[in-house]
Amino acid sequence: MSEKDVDYDALSDRYADPDAAVQPSGPAVTGEAAAAAGREFAIAEYGSVEAMESEIRRGRPRIGREPERSASQRTVRATLSDQDWEAFEELRAQTGAQQATLVRNAIHQYLLAQRAS
């Protein structure tokens, strides 16, 4: 059966069935053999070692490193008093809007008001 002839719906049904027996495709591998098999699988999926390594990043991002964004996106941080925070959360609950949307709208309105005065 060629890859074009695979009935993916039937495969999905078979794999989703908890009563279906799962047949091993070969002997279980562990340790270094499992690591080598996993690496071969990943290289086959990504197409090359270079492509795989460019997609797989080890560890966590560096502290203080901003995520890559387009030049049109910037982050603003602010601290609110308890009273302002409660009013802000009340507005968020009433409108159903996300915090970021409310902040963007508030800044936009403030900038428009400053230009008008």
C-alpha atoms as a PDB file:
ATOM      1  CA  MET A   1       0.000   0.000   0.000  1.00  0.00           C
ATOM      2  CA  SER A   2       1.495   3.339  -1.003  1.00  0.00           C
ATOM      3  CA  GLU A   3       1.295   6.356   1.277  1.00  0.00           C
ATOM      4  CA  LYS A   4      -1.419   7.781  -1.003  1.00  0.00           C
ATOM      5  CA  ASP A   5      -3.596   4.723  -0.382  1.00  0.00           C
ATOM      6  CA  VAL A   6      -3.494   4.926   3.436  1.00  0.00           C
ATOM      7  CA  ASP A   7      -6.944   5.176   5.013  1.00  0.00           C
ATOM      8  CA  TYR A   8      -6.141   7.650   7.775  1.00  0.00           C
ATOM      9  CA  ASP A   9      -9.692   7.605   9.139  1.00  0.00           C
ATOM     10  CA  ALA A  10      -9.485   3.843   9.654  1.00  0.00           C
ATOM     11  CA  LEU A  11      -6.070   4.183  11.295  1.00  0.00           C
ATOM     12  CA  SER A  12      -7.376   6.899  13.587  1.00  0.00           C
ATOM     13  CA  ASP A  13     -10.364   4.770  14.563  1.00  0.00           C
ATOM     14  CA  ARG A  14      -8.102   1.792  15.241  1.00  0.00           C
ATOM     15  CA  TYR A  15      -5.665   3.778  17.388  1.00  0.00           C
ATOM     16  CA  ALA A  16      -8.470   5.492  19.304  1.00  0.00           C
ATOM     17  CA  ASP A  17     -10.162   2.191  20.161  1.00  0.00           C
ATOM     18  CA  PRO A  18      -9.115   1.206  23.704  1.00  0.00           C
ATOM     19  CA  ASP A  19      -9.947  -2.458  22.959  1.00  0.00           C
ATOM     20  CA  ALA A  20      -7.747  -2.672  19.865  1.00  0.00           C
ATOM     21  CA  ALA A  21      -4.587  -4.688  20.349  1.00  0.00           C
ATOM     22  CA  VAL A  22      -1.395  -2.787  19.670  1.00  0.00           C
ATOM     23  CA  GLN A  23       1.147  -4.837  17.786  1.00  0.00           C
ATOM     24  CA  PRO A  24       4.804  -4.054  18.434  1.00  0.00           C
ATOM     25  CA  SER A  25       6.713  -3.013  15.341  1.00  0.00           C
ATOM     26  CA  GLY A  26       9.944  -4.471  16.624  1.00  0.00           C
ATOM     27  CA  PRO A  27      11.908  -5.172  19.776  1.00  0.00           C
ATOM     28  CA  ALA A  28      11.900  -2.541  22.509  1.00  0.00           C
ATOM     29  CA  VAL A  29      15.059  -0.458  22.633  1.00  0.00           C
ATOM     30  CA  THR A  30      16.535   1.305  25.639  1.00  0.00           C
ATOM     31  CA  GLY A  31      19.500   3.456  26.542  1.00  0.00           C
ATOM     32  CA  GLU A  32      21.878   4.455  23.756  1.00  0.00           C
ATOM     33  CA  ALA A  33      19.967   2.414  21.174  1.00  0.00           C
ATOM     34  CA  ALA A  34      16.753   4.305  22.021  1.00  0.00           C
ATOM     35  CA  ALA A  35      18.591   7.649  21.814  1.00  0.00           C
ATOM     36  CA  ALA A  36      20.020   6.730  18.400  1.00  0.00           C
ATOM     37  CA  ALA A  37      16.614   5.564  17.127  1.00  0.00           C
ATOM     38  CA  GLY A  38      14.999   8.776  18.354  1.00  0.00           C
ATOM     39  CA  ARG A  39      17.671  10.889  16.667  1.00  0.00           C
ATOM     40  CA  GLU A  40      17.218   9.012  13.379  1.00  0.00           C
ATOM     41  CA  PHE A  41      13.458   9.521  13.601  1.00  0.00           C
ATOM     42  CA  ALA A  42      13.836  13.264  14.293  1.00  0.00           C
ATOM     43  CA  ILE A  43      16.285  13.725  11.416  1.00  0.00           C
ATOM     44  CA  ALA A  44      13.885  11.906   9.089  1.00  0.00           C
ATOM     45  CA  GLU A  45      10.993  14.117  10.245  1.00  0.00           C
ATOM     46  CA  TYR A  46      12.909  17.421   9.906  1.00  0.00           C
ATOM     47  CA  GLY A  47      14.711  16.422   6.714  1.00  0.00           C
ATOM     48  CA  SER A  48      18.270  17.120   7.834  1.00  0.00           C
ATOM     49  CA  VAL A  49      20.453  17.465  10.917  1.00  0.00           C
ATOM     50  CA  GLU A  50      20.696  21.220  10.312  1.00  0.00           C
ATOM     51  CA  ALA A  51      16.924  21.683  10.129  1.00  0.00           C
ATOM     52  CA  MET A  52      16.416  19.584  13.250  1.00  0.00           C
ATOM     53  CA  GLU A  53      19.052  21.448  15.244  1.00  0.00           C
ATOM     54  CA  SER A  54      17.684  24.841  14.188  1.00  0.00           C
ATOM     55  CA  GLU A  55      14.251  23.887  15.542  1.00  0.00           C
ATOM     56  CA  ILE A  56      15.372  22.213  18.769  1.00  0.00           C
ATOM     57  CA  ARG A  57      16.643  24.674  21.350  1.00  0.00           C
ATOM     58  CA  ARG A  58      18.193  23.392  24.537  1.00  0.00           C
ATOM     59  CA  GLY A  59      17.454  24.913  27.929  1.00  0.00           C
ATOM     60  CA  ARG A  60      15.404  27.923  28.825  1.00  0.00           C
ATOM     61  CA  PRO A  61      15.719  31.380  27.284  1.00  0.00           C
ATOM     62  CA  ARG A  62      18.233  33.747  28.822  1.00  0.00           C
ATOM     63  CA  ILE A  63      16.951  35.960  31.628  1.00  0.00           C
ATOM     64  CA  GLY A  64      16.208  39.467  30.415  1.00  0.00           C
ATOM     65  CA  ARG A  65      16.012  38.406  26.807  1.00  0.00           C
ATOM     66  CA  GLU A  66      12.912  39.819  25.171  1.00  0.00           C
ATOM     67  CA  PRO A  67      11.009  37.557  22.809  1.00  0.00           C
ATOM     68  CA  GLU A  68      11.552  38.326  19.143  1.00  0.00           C
ATOM     69  CA  ARG A  69       8.833  40.658  17.911  1.00  0.00           C
ATOM     70  CA  SER A  70       8.193  42.710  14.879  1.00  0.00           C
ATOM     71  CA  ALA A  71       9.183  46.377  14.980  1.00  0.00           C
ATOM     72  CA  SER A  72       5.494  47.274  15.354  1.00  0.00           C
ATOM     73  CA  GLN A  73       5.090  45.475  18.707  1.00  0.00           C
ATOM     74  CA  ARG A  74       6.361  46.732  22.042  1.00  0.00           C
ATOM     75  CA  THR A  75       5.708  45.726  25.648  1.00  0.00           C
ATOM     76  CA  VAL A  76       4.608  48.166  28.354  1.00  0.00           C
ATOM     77  CA  ARG A  77       4.613  47.275  32.055  1.00  0.00           C
ATOM     78  CA  ALA A  78       2.887  49.172  34.830  1.00  0.00           C
ATOM     79  CA  THR A  79       2.015  48.826  38.488  1.00  0.00           C
ATOM     80  CA  LEU A  80      -1.479  49.756  39.671  1.00  0.00           C
ATOM     81  CA  SER A  81      -2.765  50.707  43.092  1.00  0.00           C
ATOM     82  CA  ASP A  82      -5.139  48.226  44.712  1.00  0.00           C
ATOM     83  CA  GLN A  83      -8.065  50.576  44.019  1.00  0.00           C
ATOM     84  CA  ASP A  84      -7.183  50.954  40.320  1.00  0.00           C
ATOM     85  CA  TRP A  85      -6.560  47.209  39.999  1.00  0.00           C
ATOM     86  CA  GLU A  86      -9.990  46.387  41.423  1.00  0.00           C
ATOM     87  CA  ALA A  87     -11.661  48.866  39.059  1.00  0.00           C
ATOM     88  CA  PHE A  88      -9.652  47.470  36.144  1.00  0.00           C
ATOM     89  CA  GLU A  89     -10.648  43.882  36.978  1.00  0.00           C
ATOM     90  CA  GLU A  90     -14.274  44.953  37.344  1.00  0.00           C
ATOM     91  CA  LEU A  91     -14.160  46.559  33.884  1.00  0.00           C
ATOM     92  CA  ARG A  92     -12.519  43.440  32.453  1.00  0.00           C
ATOM     93  CA  ALA A  93     -15.253  41.242  33.939  1.00  0.00           C
ATOM     94  CA  GLN A  94     -18.020  43.544  32.641  1.00  0.00           C
ATOM     95  CA  THR A  95     -16.641  43.782  29.112  1.00  0.00           C
ATOM     96  CA  GLY A  96     -15.199  40.286  28.812  1.00  0.00           C
ATOM     97  CA  ALA A  97     -12.141  41.848  27.165  1.00  0.00           C
ATOM     98  CA  GLN A  98      -8.606  40.659  27.781  1.00  0.00           C
ATOM     99  CA  GLN A  99      -6.344  42.774  29.958  1.00  0.00           C
ATOM    100  CA  ALA A 100      -4.035  43.538  27.035  1.00  0.00           C
ATOM    101  CA  THR A 101      -6.947  44.799  24.925  1.00  0.00           C
ATOM    102  CA  LEU A 102      -8.138  47.117  27.685  1.00  0.00           C
ATOM    103  CA  VAL A 103      -4.641  48.497  28.225  1.00  0.00           C
ATOM    104  CA  ARG A 104      -4.099  49.082  24.495  1.00  0.00           C
ATOM    105  CA  ASN A 105      -7.467  50.854  24.227  1.00  0.00           C
ATOM    106  CA  ALA A 106      -6.778  52.998  27.296  1.00  0.00           C
ATOM    107  CA  ILE A 107      -3.377  54.093  25.993  1.00  0.00           C
ATOM    108  CA  HIS A 108      -4.848  54.844  22.573  1.00  0.00           C
ATOM    109  CA  GLN A 109      -7.628  56.978  24.096  1.00  0.00           C
ATOM    110  CA  TYR A 110      -5.125  58.811  26.326  1.00  0.00           C
ATOM    111  CA  LEU A 111      -2.873  59.599  23.362  1.00  0.00           C
ATOM    112  CA  LEU A 112      -5.831  60.894  21.348  1.00  0.00           C
ATOM    113  CA  ALA A 113      -6.888  63.127  24.256  1.00  0.00           C
ATOM    114  CA  GLN A 114      -3.349  64.516  24.610  1.00  0.00           C
ATOM    115  CA  ARG A 115      -3.162  65.357  20.906  1.00  0.00           C
ATOM    116  CA  ALA A 116      -6.537  67.119  21.089  1.00  0.00           C
ATOM    117  CA  SER A 117      -5.532  69.343  24.006  1.00  0.00           C
END
